């Protein structure tokens, strides 16, 4: 378990090198749904989970809509996890709440270009944040 401010926020599932981590997420989910009641924790379910072989590490934010594990280069710093816990929504939740593009008054080509520009911008922001978190993790 990982702790932030003396509260459990995470379960780490360690597996031997060479283990396929995609099948381990179900086992990890059992751990953080059934963590010990005598451990001080945040919420009814721990918000974060890691699976690692020591070579590959996957991270999962259970607060995300349709949460899933994704590869990270290192474990996040407690300060990063604390910051995420202080945010009302996760990045993926905020992206899902984005309003649709208003196409009224735009030519079809303009709307398509704008949509592609918005998608490219969002992907760039996600890539930047992923690199930033990996750099400072």
N, C-alpha and C. Protein backbone atom coordinates (compact mmCIF):
# COMPACT_ATOMS: atom_id res chain seq x y z
N UNK A 1 0.84 -1.18 0.00
CA UNK A 1 0.00 0.00 0.00
C UNK A 1 0.88 1.24 0.00
N UNK A 2 0.38 2.26 -0.67
CA UNK A 2 1.04 3.56 -0.63
C UNK A 2 0.16 4.50 0.20
N UNK A 3 0.82 5.36 0.95
CA UNK A 3 0.11 6.27 1.85
C UNK A 3 0.44 7.72 1.49
N UNK A 4 -0.56 8.57 1.60
CA UNK A 4 -0.39 10.02 1.47
C UNK A 4 -1.02 10.63 2.71
N UNK A 5 -0.26 11.42 3.43
CA UNK A 5 -0.74 12.03 4.67
C UNK A 5 -1.33 10.99 5.62
N UNK A 6 -0.66 9.85 5.72
CA UNK A 6 -1.02 8.76 6.62
C UNK A 6 -2.35 8.06 6.28
N UNK A 7 -2.82 8.26 5.06
CA UNK A 7 -4.03 7.60 4.58
C UNK A 7 -3.65 6.71 3.39
N UNK A 8 -4.14 5.48 3.39
CA UNK A 8 -3.90 4.58 2.26
C UNK A 8 -4.63 5.13 1.03
N UNK A 9 -3.91 5.24 -0.07
CA UNK A 9 -4.52 5.71 -1.31
C UNK A 9 -4.27 4.75 -2.47
N UNK A 10 -3.48 3.71 -2.23
CA UNK A 10 -3.02 2.92 -3.35
C UNK A 10 -2.65 1.51 -2.92
N UNK A 11 -2.81 0.59 -3.86
CA UNK A 11 -2.33 -0.78 -3.70
C UNK A 11 -1.30 -1.01 -4.79
N UNK A 12 -0.22 -1.67 -4.44
CA UNK A 12 0.81 -2.02 -5.41
C UNK A 12 0.85 -3.55 -5.52
N UNK A 13 0.59 -4.04 -6.72
CA UNK A 13 0.66 -5.48 -6.97
C UNK A 13 2.00 -5.76 -7.65
N UNK A 14 2.89 -6.46 -6.96
CA UNK A 14 4.21 -6.79 -7.49
C UNK A 14 4.18 -8.20 -8.06
N UNK A 15 4.69 -8.32 -9.26
CA UNK A 15 4.73 -9.62 -9.95
C UNK A 15 6.15 -9.87 -10.45
N UNK A 16 6.50 -11.13 -10.67
CA UNK A 16 7.84 -11.42 -11.18
C UNK A 16 8.03 -10.87 -12.60
N UNK A 17 9.26 -10.55 -12.92
CA UNK A 17 9.58 -10.07 -14.27
C UNK A 17 9.14 -11.10 -15.29
N UNK A 18 8.54 -10.62 -16.38
CA UNK A 18 8.04 -11.50 -17.43
C UNK A 18 6.55 -11.77 -17.32
N UNK A 19 5.94 -11.42 -16.19
CA UNK A 19 4.50 -11.61 -16.01
C UNK A 19 3.75 -10.60 -16.89
N UNK A 20 2.70 -11.05 -17.55
CA UNK A 20 1.86 -10.15 -18.33
C UNK A 20 0.95 -9.40 -17.37
N UNK A 21 1.12 -8.09 -17.30
CA UNK A 21 0.41 -7.30 -16.30
C UNK A 21 -1.06 -7.08 -16.64
N UNK A 22 -1.43 -7.27 -17.89
CA UNK A 22 -2.83 -7.03 -18.26
C UNK A 22 -3.77 -7.96 -17.51
N UNK A 23 -3.35 -9.15 -17.19
CA UNK A 23 -4.20 -10.08 -16.47
C UNK A 23 -4.17 -9.91 -14.96
N UNK A 24 -3.29 -9.07 -14.47
CA UNK A 24 -3.11 -8.89 -13.03
C UNK A 24 -4.06 -7.84 -12.47
N UNK A 25 -4.61 -6.98 -13.33
CA UNK A 25 -5.45 -5.87 -12.85
C UNK A 25 -6.68 -6.36 -12.08
N UNK A 26 -7.23 -7.50 -12.46
CA UNK A 26 -8.38 -8.05 -11.73
C UNK A 26 -7.98 -8.44 -10.31
N UNK A 27 -6.80 -9.02 -10.16
CA UNK A 27 -6.30 -9.39 -8.84
C UNK A 27 -6.07 -8.14 -7.99
N UNK A 28 -5.49 -7.12 -8.60
CA UNK A 28 -5.25 -5.85 -7.90
C UNK A 28 -6.57 -5.25 -7.44
N UNK A 29 -7.57 -5.31 -8.31
CA UNK A 29 -8.88 -4.75 -7.97
C UNK A 29 -9.46 -5.43 -6.73
N UNK A 30 -9.28 -6.73 -6.61
CA UNK A 30 -9.76 -7.45 -5.42
C UNK A 30 -9.07 -6.92 -4.17
N UNK A 31 -7.77 -6.65 -4.27
CA UNK A 31 -7.03 -6.15 -3.11
C UNK A 31 -7.55 -4.80 -2.65
N UNK A 32 -7.71 -3.87 -3.60
CA UNK A 32 -8.08 -2.53 -3.13
C UNK A 32 -9.56 -2.40 -2.84
N UNK A 33 -10.36 -3.34 -3.25
CA UNK A 33 -11.77 -3.33 -2.85
C UNK A 33 -11.96 -3.99 -1.48
N UNK A 34 -11.01 -4.83 -1.09
CA UNK A 34 -11.13 -5.56 0.18
C UNK A 34 -9.96 -5.27 1.11
N UNK A 35 -9.46 -4.03 1.10
CA UNK A 35 -8.33 -3.70 1.96
C UNK A 35 -8.75 -3.76 3.43
N UNK A 36 -7.78 -3.86 4.27
CA UNK A 36 -8.05 -4.01 5.70
C UNK A 36 -8.81 -2.82 6.26
N UNK A 37 -9.83 -3.09 7.03
CA UNK A 37 -10.65 -2.04 7.61
C UNK A 37 -9.91 -1.23 8.66
N UNK A 38 -8.88 -1.81 9.27
CA UNK A 38 -8.16 -1.08 10.30
C UNK A 38 -7.09 -0.15 9.74
N UNK A 39 -7.01 -0.05 8.43
CA UNK A 39 -6.06 0.86 7.79
C UNK A 39 -6.79 2.17 7.47
N UNK A 40 -6.21 3.29 7.91
CA UNK A 40 -6.81 4.59 7.60
C UNK A 40 -6.73 4.80 6.09
N UNK A 41 -7.85 5.14 5.49
CA UNK A 41 -7.90 5.24 4.03
C UNK A 41 -8.82 6.38 3.61
N UNK A 42 -8.79 6.66 2.31
CA UNK A 42 -9.61 7.71 1.72
C UNK A 42 -10.72 7.03 0.92
N UNK A 43 -11.96 7.34 1.21
CA UNK A 43 -13.08 6.80 0.45
C UNK A 43 -13.36 5.34 0.73
N UNK A 44 -14.39 4.81 0.06
CA UNK A 44 -14.77 3.41 0.22
C UNK A 44 -13.88 2.47 -0.57
N UNK A 45 -13.31 2.99 -1.64
CA UNK A 45 -12.41 2.22 -2.50
C UNK A 45 -11.14 3.04 -2.66
N UNK A 46 -9.98 2.41 -2.56
CA UNK A 46 -8.74 3.15 -2.77
C UNK A 46 -8.72 3.71 -4.19
N UNK A 47 -8.32 4.96 -4.35
CA UNK A 47 -8.44 5.60 -5.66
C UNK A 47 -7.41 5.17 -6.70
N UNK A 48 -6.25 4.68 -6.28
CA UNK A 48 -5.18 4.38 -7.23
C UNK A 48 -4.69 2.95 -7.08
N UNK A 49 -4.13 2.42 -8.17
CA UNK A 49 -3.54 1.08 -8.13
C UNK A 49 -2.37 1.02 -9.09
N UNK A 50 -1.35 0.28 -8.70
CA UNK A 50 -0.19 0.01 -9.56
C UNK A 50 -0.02 -1.49 -9.68
N UNK A 51 0.44 -1.93 -10.85
CA UNK A 51 0.92 -3.28 -11.07
C UNK A 51 2.32 -3.14 -11.64
N UNK A 52 3.27 -3.89 -11.11
CA UNK A 52 4.64 -3.72 -11.57
C UNK A 52 5.41 -5.04 -11.52
N UNK A 53 6.29 -5.20 -12.52
CA UNK A 53 7.23 -6.31 -12.53
C UNK A 53 8.62 -5.83 -12.14
N UNK A 54 8.77 -4.55 -11.91
CA UNK A 54 10.09 -3.97 -11.69
C UNK A 54 10.67 -3.43 -12.98
N UNK A 55 10.20 -3.96 -14.11
CA UNK A 55 10.63 -3.48 -15.43
C UNK A 55 9.50 -2.66 -16.05
N UNK A 56 8.29 -3.20 -15.99
CA UNK A 56 7.10 -2.51 -16.48
C UNK A 56 6.20 -2.18 -15.30
N UNK A 57 5.61 -0.98 -15.37
CA UNK A 57 4.70 -0.55 -14.31
C UNK A 57 3.44 0.03 -14.95
N UNK A 58 2.29 -0.39 -14.46
CA UNK A 58 1.00 0.12 -14.92
C UNK A 58 0.31 0.83 -13.76
N UNK A 59 -0.40 1.91 -14.10
CA UNK A 59 -1.10 2.74 -13.11
C UNK A 59 -2.57 2.82 -13.50
N UNK A 60 -3.43 2.84 -12.50
CA UNK A 60 -4.88 2.94 -12.73
C UNK A 60 -5.48 3.91 -11.72
N UNK A 61 -6.24 4.86 -12.23
CA UNK A 61 -6.98 5.80 -11.38
C UNK A 61 -8.43 5.34 -11.40
N UNK A 62 -8.89 4.77 -10.29
CA UNK A 62 -10.24 4.21 -10.23
C UNK A 62 -11.32 5.28 -10.31
N UNK A 63 -10.95 6.54 -10.13
CA UNK A 63 -11.94 7.62 -10.20
C UNK A 63 -12.27 7.99 -11.64
N UNK A 64 -11.43 7.54 -12.59
CA UNK A 64 -11.67 7.84 -14.01
C UNK A 64 -12.94 7.16 -14.49
N UNK A 65 -13.68 7.83 -15.38
CA UNK A 65 -14.79 7.12 -16.03
C UNK A 65 -14.17 6.02 -16.92
N UNK A 66 -14.71 4.84 -16.86
CA UNK A 66 -14.16 3.71 -17.62
C UNK A 66 -12.66 3.55 -17.33
N UNK A 67 -12.30 3.52 -16.05
CA UNK A 67 -10.88 3.47 -15.68
C UNK A 67 -10.21 2.23 -16.23
N UNK A 68 -8.95 2.39 -16.57
CA UNK A 68 -8.15 1.28 -17.07
C UNK A 68 -6.68 1.55 -16.74
N UNK A 69 -5.90 0.49 -16.71
CA UNK A 69 -4.48 0.62 -16.43
C UNK A 69 -3.76 1.20 -17.64
N UNK A 70 -2.74 2.00 -17.37
CA UNK A 70 -1.91 2.53 -18.44
C UNK A 70 -0.46 2.49 -17.98
N UNK A 71 0.44 2.34 -18.90
CA UNK A 71 1.86 2.20 -18.57
C UNK A 71 2.42 3.54 -18.12
N UNK A 72 3.21 3.51 -17.06
CA UNK A 72 3.94 4.69 -16.58
C UNK A 72 5.40 4.29 -16.43
N UNK A 73 6.26 5.28 -16.35
CA UNK A 73 7.69 5.01 -16.27
C UNK A 73 8.18 4.86 -14.84
N UNK A 74 7.40 5.37 -13.89
CA UNK A 74 7.80 5.31 -12.49
C UNK A 74 6.57 5.52 -11.62
N UNK A 75 6.71 5.23 -10.35
CA UNK A 75 5.64 5.51 -9.40
C UNK A 75 5.54 7.02 -9.21
N UNK A 76 4.33 7.51 -9.05
CA UNK A 76 4.13 8.95 -8.86
C UNK A 76 4.56 9.36 -7.45
N UNK A 77 4.98 10.60 -7.34
CA UNK A 77 5.34 11.14 -6.03
C UNK A 77 4.08 11.30 -5.19
N UNK A 78 4.19 11.20 -3.88
CA UNK A 78 3.03 11.44 -3.02
C UNK A 78 2.40 12.81 -3.25
N UNK A 79 3.22 13.80 -3.56
CA UNK A 79 2.70 15.15 -3.82
C UNK A 79 1.78 15.16 -5.04
N UNK A 80 2.13 14.37 -6.05
CA UNK A 80 1.31 14.29 -7.26
C UNK A 80 -0.03 13.62 -6.94
N UNK A 81 0.02 12.52 -6.20
CA UNK A 81 -1.22 11.83 -5.82
C UNK A 81 -2.09 12.73 -4.95
N UNK A 82 -1.47 13.48 -4.04
CA UNK A 82 -2.22 14.41 -3.18
C UNK A 82 -2.91 15.47 -4.03
N UNK A 83 -2.18 16.00 -5.02
CA UNK A 83 -2.76 17.02 -5.91
C UNK A 83 -3.96 16.45 -6.66
N UNK A 84 -3.81 15.24 -7.20
CA UNK A 84 -4.92 14.62 -7.93
C UNK A 84 -6.13 14.39 -7.04
N UNK A 85 -5.87 13.99 -5.78
CA UNK A 85 -6.98 13.75 -4.85
C UNK A 85 -7.71 15.05 -4.52
N UNK A 86 -7.02 16.18 -4.60
CA UNK A 86 -7.62 17.47 -4.31
C UNK A 86 -8.44 18.04 -5.46
N UNK A 87 -8.33 17.45 -6.64
CA UNK A 87 -9.08 17.94 -7.80
C UNK A 87 -10.48 17.33 -7.80
N UNK A 88 -11.44 18.15 -8.20
CA UNK A 88 -12.84 17.69 -8.20
C UNK A 88 -13.04 16.53 -9.18
N UNK A 89 -12.41 16.58 -10.33
CA UNK A 89 -12.55 15.54 -11.36
C UNK A 89 -11.18 15.17 -11.89
N UNK A 90 -11.07 13.99 -12.47
CA UNK A 90 -9.85 13.57 -13.14
C UNK A 90 -9.80 14.23 -14.52
N UNK A 91 -8.64 14.19 -15.15
CA UNK A 91 -8.50 14.77 -16.49
C UNK A 91 -9.47 14.10 -17.46
N UNK A 92 -9.54 12.78 -17.42
CA UNK A 92 -10.45 12.08 -18.35
C UNK A 92 -11.91 12.44 -18.10
N UNK A 93 -12.29 12.64 -16.84
CA UNK A 93 -13.66 13.04 -16.53
C UNK A 93 -13.93 14.44 -17.08
N UNK A 94 -12.95 15.34 -16.95
CA UNK A 94 -13.13 16.70 -17.48
C UNK A 94 -13.24 16.68 -19.00
N UNK A 95 -12.45 15.82 -19.66
CA UNK A 95 -12.51 15.73 -21.12
C UNK A 95 -13.87 15.21 -21.58
N UNK A 96 -14.45 14.28 -20.83
CA UNK A 96 -15.77 13.75 -21.20
C UNK A 96 -16.87 14.81 -21.07
N UNK A 97 -16.65 15.80 -20.21
CA UNK A 97 -17.66 16.84 -19.99
C UNK A 97 -17.54 18.00 -20.98
N UNK A 98 -16.56 17.94 -21.87
CA UNK A 98 -16.39 19.04 -22.83
C UNK A 98 -17.63 19.16 -23.71
N UNK A 99 -18.06 20.38 -23.96
CA UNK A 99 -19.23 20.54 -24.83
C UNK A 99 -18.87 20.20 -26.27
N UNK A 100 -19.85 19.78 -27.05
CA UNK A 100 -19.58 19.48 -28.46
C UNK A 100 -19.29 20.77 -29.23
N UNK A 101 -18.63 20.61 -30.36
CA UNK A 101 -18.31 21.74 -31.22
C UNK A 101 -19.60 22.31 -31.81
N UNK A 102 -19.77 23.62 -31.70
CA UNK A 102 -20.94 24.27 -32.31
C UNK A 102 -20.60 24.51 -33.78
N UNK A 103 -21.32 23.81 -34.64
CA UNK A 103 -21.02 23.86 -36.07
C UNK A 103 -21.82 24.93 -36.81
N UNK A 104 -22.81 25.52 -36.15
CA UNK A 104 -23.65 26.51 -36.81
C UNK A 104 -22.81 27.68 -37.30
N UNK A 105 -22.98 28.03 -38.55
CA UNK A 105 -22.25 29.15 -39.13
C UNK A 105 -20.89 28.76 -39.69
N UNK A 106 -20.51 27.51 -39.54
CA UNK A 106 -19.23 27.05 -40.08
C UNK A 106 -19.48 26.25 -41.34
N UNK A 107 -18.60 26.39 -42.29
CA UNK A 107 -18.65 25.52 -43.45
C UNK A 107 -18.21 24.13 -43.00
N UNK A 108 -18.59 23.10 -43.73
CA UNK A 108 -18.27 21.73 -43.34
C UNK A 108 -16.76 21.55 -43.17
N UNK A 109 -15.97 22.10 -44.09
CA UNK A 109 -14.51 21.97 -43.99
C UNK A 109 -13.98 22.68 -42.76
N UNK A 110 -14.53 23.86 -42.44
CA UNK A 110 -14.07 24.60 -41.27
C UNK A 110 -14.35 23.81 -39.99
N UNK A 111 -15.53 23.22 -39.91
CA UNK A 111 -15.89 22.45 -38.72
C UNK A 111 -14.96 21.25 -38.57
N UNK A 112 -14.66 20.59 -39.69
CA UNK A 112 -13.78 19.43 -39.63
C UNK A 112 -12.37 19.84 -39.19
N UNK A 113 -11.87 20.92 -39.73
CA UNK A 113 -10.53 21.42 -39.36
C UNK A 113 -10.51 21.80 -37.89
N UNK A 114 -11.54 22.47 -37.42
CA UNK A 114 -11.60 22.87 -36.01
C UNK A 114 -11.64 21.66 -35.10
N UNK A 115 -12.42 20.67 -35.46
CA UNK A 115 -12.51 19.45 -34.66
C UNK A 115 -11.16 18.76 -34.58
N UNK A 116 -10.48 18.63 -35.71
CA UNK A 116 -9.16 18.00 -35.72
C UNK A 116 -8.16 18.80 -34.91
N UNK A 117 -8.24 20.13 -35.00
CA UNK A 117 -7.35 20.99 -34.21
C UNK A 117 -7.59 20.78 -32.72
N UNK A 118 -8.86 20.71 -32.32
CA UNK A 118 -9.17 20.50 -30.90
C UNK A 118 -8.65 19.15 -30.42
N UNK A 119 -8.83 18.12 -31.22
CA UNK A 119 -8.35 16.78 -30.85
C UNK A 119 -6.83 16.80 -30.74
N UNK A 120 -6.15 17.41 -31.70
CA UNK A 120 -4.68 17.47 -31.67
C UNK A 120 -4.20 18.23 -30.44
N UNK A 121 -4.89 19.31 -30.10
CA UNK A 121 -4.52 20.09 -28.92
C UNK A 121 -4.68 19.28 -27.65
N UNK A 122 -5.80 18.59 -27.52
CA UNK A 122 -6.03 17.75 -26.33
C UNK A 122 -4.99 16.64 -26.22
N UNK A 123 -4.66 16.01 -27.33
CA UNK A 123 -3.65 14.95 -27.31
C UNK A 123 -2.29 15.51 -26.92
N UNK A 124 -1.98 16.72 -27.38
CA UNK A 124 -0.71 17.35 -27.02
C UNK A 124 -0.67 17.66 -25.53
N UNK A 125 -1.77 18.13 -24.96
CA UNK A 125 -1.83 18.42 -23.53
C UNK A 125 -1.66 17.13 -22.72
N UNK A 126 -2.35 16.08 -23.14
CA UNK A 126 -2.23 14.79 -22.44
C UNK A 126 -0.80 14.27 -22.51
N UNK A 127 -0.19 14.34 -23.69
CA UNK A 127 1.20 13.88 -23.84
C UNK A 127 2.15 14.71 -22.99
N UNK A 128 1.94 16.02 -22.95
CA UNK A 128 2.79 16.90 -22.14
C UNK A 128 2.66 16.53 -20.67
N UNK A 129 1.43 16.37 -20.19
CA UNK A 129 1.23 16.03 -18.77
C UNK A 129 1.81 14.65 -18.46
N UNK A 130 1.65 13.71 -19.37
CA UNK A 130 2.19 12.36 -19.15
C UNK A 130 3.71 12.44 -19.03
N UNK A 131 4.36 13.22 -19.91
CA UNK A 131 5.81 13.37 -19.84
C UNK A 131 6.22 14.11 -18.59
N UNK A 132 5.46 15.12 -18.22
CA UNK A 132 5.76 15.90 -17.02
C UNK A 132 5.68 15.01 -15.79
N UNK A 133 4.62 14.22 -15.66
CA UNK A 133 4.46 13.34 -14.51
C UNK A 133 5.54 12.27 -14.50
N UNK A 134 5.88 11.75 -15.68
CA UNK A 134 6.91 10.72 -15.75
C UNK A 134 8.27 11.30 -15.36
N UNK A 135 8.53 12.55 -15.76
CA UNK A 135 9.79 13.19 -15.46
C UNK A 135 9.96 13.43 -13.97
N UNK A 136 8.87 13.87 -13.31
CA UNK A 136 8.95 14.24 -11.91
C UNK A 136 8.44 13.16 -10.96
N UNK A 137 8.08 12.01 -11.51
CA UNK A 137 7.57 10.92 -10.66
C UNK A 137 8.67 10.33 -9.82
